[in-house]
Protein backbone atom coordinates (compact mmCIF):
# COMPACT_ATOMS: atom_id res chain seq x y z
CA MET A 1 52.63 40.56 -2.15
CA SER A 2 51.21 44.00 -2.31
CA THR A 3 54.07 45.60 -4.06
CA ALA A 4 53.47 43.30 -7.14
CA PHE A 5 49.61 44.11 -7.41
CA GLU A 6 50.70 47.84 -7.16
CA ALA A 7 53.24 47.58 -9.74
CA ARG A 8 51.01 45.67 -12.11
CA ALA A 9 48.13 48.25 -11.16
CA GLY A 10 50.73 51.14 -11.72
CA ALA A 11 51.46 49.95 -15.40
CA LEU A 12 47.82 50.42 -16.27
CA TYR A 13 47.48 53.71 -14.61
CA GLU A 14 50.57 55.12 -16.68
CA ARG A 15 48.89 53.36 -19.71
CA TYR A 16 45.24 54.85 -18.84
CA ALA A 17 46.55 58.26 -18.02
CA TYR A 18 45.42 58.33 -14.39
CA PRO A 19 45.01 61.29 -12.78
CA ASP A 20 46.90 61.67 -9.04
CA TRP A 21 43.44 61.66 -7.42
CA LEU A 22 42.12 58.34 -9.53
CA ARG A 23 45.63 57.00 -8.46
CA ARG A 24 45.27 57.65 -4.82
CA HIS A 25 41.69 56.61 -4.77
CA SER A 26 42.53 53.17 -6.26
CA LEU A 27 45.51 52.58 -4.27
CA VAL A 28 43.32 53.23 -1.08
CA VAL A 29 40.48 50.61 -2.60
CA GLY A 30 42.96 47.99 -3.71
CA ARG A 31 44.80 47.76 -0.41
CA ALA A 32 41.61 47.53 1.32
CA ALA A 33 40.38 44.85 -0.82
CA LEU A 34 43.90 43.16 -0.59
CA LEU A 35 43.56 42.89 3.19
CA LEU A 36 40.23 42.10 3.07
CA ALA A 37 40.73 39.14 0.55
CA LEU A 38 43.61 38.04 2.47
CA ASP A 39 40.96 37.47 5.34
CA HIS A 40 39.06 35.50 3.12
CA ALA A 41 42.12 33.29 1.27
CA ASP A 42 40.17 30.21 1.52
CA ALA A 43 37.01 31.48 -0.32
CA VAL A 44 38.45 33.70 -2.69
CA ASP A 45 41.48 33.97 -5.08
CA VAL A 46 43.13 36.79 -3.25
CA ALA A 47 45.31 37.96 -6.42
CA SER A 48 41.97 38.65 -8.57
CA VAL A 49 40.11 40.53 -5.77
CA ALA A 50 43.22 42.69 -5.03
CA LEU A 51 43.63 43.49 -8.66
CA GLY A 52 40.24 43.99 -9.34
CA GLY A 53 40.19 46.26 -6.31
CA TYR A 54 43.49 48.50 -7.40
CA LEU A 55 41.62 48.80 -11.16
CA HIS A 56 37.99 48.96 -10.47
CA ASP A 57 37.69 52.31 -11.66
CA ILE A 58 40.08 51.78 -14.56
CA GLY A 59 36.79 52.80 -16.76
CA ARG A 60 36.93 56.66 -15.48
CA SER A 61 40.27 56.79 -17.45
CA PRO A 62 40.52 60.42 -19.02
CA LEU A 63 41.53 58.41 -22.17
CA LEU A 64 37.89 57.35 -22.23
CA ALA A 65 36.16 60.35 -21.77
CA GLY A 66 33.31 61.27 -23.87
CA ASP A 67 32.19 57.31 -24.19
CA PRO A 68 28.47 57.51 -22.98
CA ARG A 69 28.71 54.38 -21.21
CA ASP A 70 28.99 53.94 -17.37
CA HIS A 71 32.66 53.70 -16.07
CA ASN A 72 31.93 50.42 -14.63
CA GLU A 73 31.13 48.97 -17.89
CA LEU A 74 33.85 50.46 -19.63
CA GLY A 75 36.03 49.27 -16.90
CA ALA A 76 34.82 45.66 -17.32
CA LEU A 77 35.58 46.01 -21.38
CA VAL A 78 39.04 47.61 -20.72
CA LEU A 79 40.04 44.64 -18.24
CA ARG A 80 39.10 41.89 -20.63
CA ALA A 81 40.81 43.64 -23.48
CA GLU A 82 44.01 43.96 -21.05
CA GLY A 83 43.53 39.92 -20.29
CA LEU A 84 42.33 40.50 -17.05
CA PRO A 85 38.95 38.77 -17.57
CA GLU A 86 38.90 37.51 -13.52
CA CYS A 87 38.60 41.25 -12.85
CA ALA A 88 36.10 42.27 -15.20
CA ALA A 89 33.35 41.23 -13.22
CA LEU A 90 34.59 43.25 -10.13
CA ALA A 91 34.68 46.29 -12.00
CA LEU A 92 31.40 45.84 -13.43
CA ARG A 93 29.74 45.60 -10.06
CA HIS A 94 31.59 47.92 -7.83
CA PRO A 95 29.72 51.14 -7.84
CA VAL A 96 27.39 52.36 -5.09
CA TYR A 97 24.21 51.99 -7.03
CA ALA A 98 25.06 48.47 -8.69
CA VAL A 99 23.25 47.43 -6.14
CA HIS A 100 19.91 48.01 -7.40
CA ASP A 101 20.11 46.44 -10.73
CA PRO A 102 20.61 42.44 -10.77
CA ARG A 103 22.32 42.72 -13.68
CA THR A 104 25.05 44.70 -11.97
CA ALA A 105 24.59 43.74 -8.14
CA PRO A 106 27.79 41.78 -6.47
CA ARG A 107 26.61 38.02 -6.48
CA ASP A 108 29.60 36.27 -4.49
CA LEU A 109 32.13 37.08 -2.14
CA ALA A 110 34.56 38.68 -4.38
CA GLU A 111 32.52 41.10 -5.93
CA ARG A 112 31.18 41.84 -2.25
CA ILE A 113 34.54 42.38 -1.44
CA VAL A 114 35.45 44.91 -4.03
CA TYR A 115 32.06 46.56 -3.83
CA TYR A 116 32.82 47.30 -0.05
CA ALA A 117 36.54 48.28 -0.62
CA ASP A 118 35.32 50.85 -2.70
CA ARG A 119 32.20 51.51 -0.18
CA ARG A 120 35.12 52.53 2.17
CA GLY A 121 37.90 53.88 0.57
CA GLY A 122 37.41 57.40 -0.84
CA MET A 123 41.00 59.19 -0.78
CA THR A 124 41.55 57.07 2.56
CA ILE A 125 39.54 54.57 4.58
CA LEU A 126 36.15 56.25 6.14
CA PRO A 127 33.34 54.64 8.20
CA LEU A 128 30.83 53.14 5.99
CA ASP A 129 27.99 55.66 6.55
CA GLU A 130 30.07 58.36 6.21
CA ARG A 131 31.67 57.42 2.84
CA ILE A 132 28.32 56.81 1.50
CA THR A 133 27.20 60.24 2.49
CA GLU A 134 30.34 61.78 1.42
CA THR A 135 29.75 60.40 -1.99
CA ALA A 136 26.08 61.60 -2.20
CA VAL A 137 27.46 65.12 -1.58
CA ARG A 138 29.98 64.85 -4.10
CA HIS A 139 27.50 63.44 -6.72
CA PRO A 140 23.79 65.23 -5.81
CA GLU A 141 22.51 64.24 -9.07
CA TYR A 142 22.61 60.60 -7.63
CA ALA A 143 21.84 61.21 -4.20
CA GLY A 144 18.85 59.15 -4.19
CA PRO A 145 20.05 56.46 -5.69
CA ILE A 146 23.30 56.48 -3.52
CA GLU A 147 20.96 57.06 -0.12
CA ARG A 148 18.85 53.74 -1.11
CA ALA A 149 21.70 51.76 -1.59
CA ARG A 150 22.76 52.43 2.02
CA PRO A 151 21.28 49.50 3.89
CA LEU A 152 22.10 47.36 1.14
CA ALA A 153 25.81 48.10 1.64
CA ARG A 154 25.24 47.84 5.29
CA GLU A 155 24.23 44.07 4.53
CA ILE A 156 27.30 43.40 2.50
CA GLU A 157 29.52 44.83 4.94
CA ARG A 158 27.81 42.07 7.47
CA ALA A 159 28.29 39.74 4.58
CA VAL A 160 32.33 40.47 4.17
CA TYR A 161 32.97 40.54 8.07
CA ALA A 162 30.80 37.40 9.01
CA ARG A 163 33.55 35.06 8.80
CA THR A 164 36.70 37.22 10.27
CA SER A 165 37.55 37.97 13.60
CA SER A 166 38.69 41.59 12.43
CA ARG A 167 35.70 44.20 12.50
CA PRO A 168 34.78 46.92 9.90
CA GLU A 169 36.19 49.57 12.60
CA ASP A 170 39.52 47.99 12.33
CA LEU A 171 40.20 48.46 8.35
CA ALA A 172 41.34 51.91 8.47
CA ARG A 173 43.79 50.84 11.08
CA LEU A 174 44.83 47.84 9.43
CA VAL A 175 45.58 49.78 5.98
CA ALA A 176 47.57 52.57 7.76
CA ALA A 177 49.72 50.06 9.70
CA ARG A 178 50.57 48.25 6.29
CA TRP A 179 50.80 50.96 3.93
CA PRO A 180 51.84 54.29 6.53
C-alpha cells in the first residue's frame, strides 16, 4: 500500500523539484502518518492522511520560492490545484506553530495525525520533545512560538495514541521495521 502512496507523492516531488532533504523528510513524515492512520482506519481516510503526510511540505518547493505566503498556505493551494483537496487542510494545519491560530490549528484526528507525524519526523523519527527542540534550534527566529507549541503538541500526541495499543516510543521502531 505505501508503495502506491510513495509513487503518487514521488511524481509530485519530481514535478515540484523537491531537493533531496525535502524528499527524505517528506518520506519520513508520510510513512509515520500512514502507520498512525492505519491505527485509526475506522476513524480516518487512510489514503488521504497518508498522502497528506507525504505531501505536507509541497509548499516548500523551490519552484514557489519568492512567494511571500507561508509554506503551509502555499501547500494547501498547490494540493487543491493538483486535485487533492482532501490533503489541503492537512498541509495547512501541519506546522508546529499552527496550533496557535484557530484558523490553522488541527481540528480533527486526520489533521492531528499529520501534525504529529511532522512533529516526530525530521530526517528520522525522533522523540517529540527532541524534534521540537531540534526545530527551534534550526529556526531560532521562531523559537518562541515553537516552544509555546510544545504542550499543545504533547496534547495532540495523547489524542493520537488515545485509542491505539501502540505507544509513542514505538513509532521509530515501527517505521524502521516497515521501511528498513
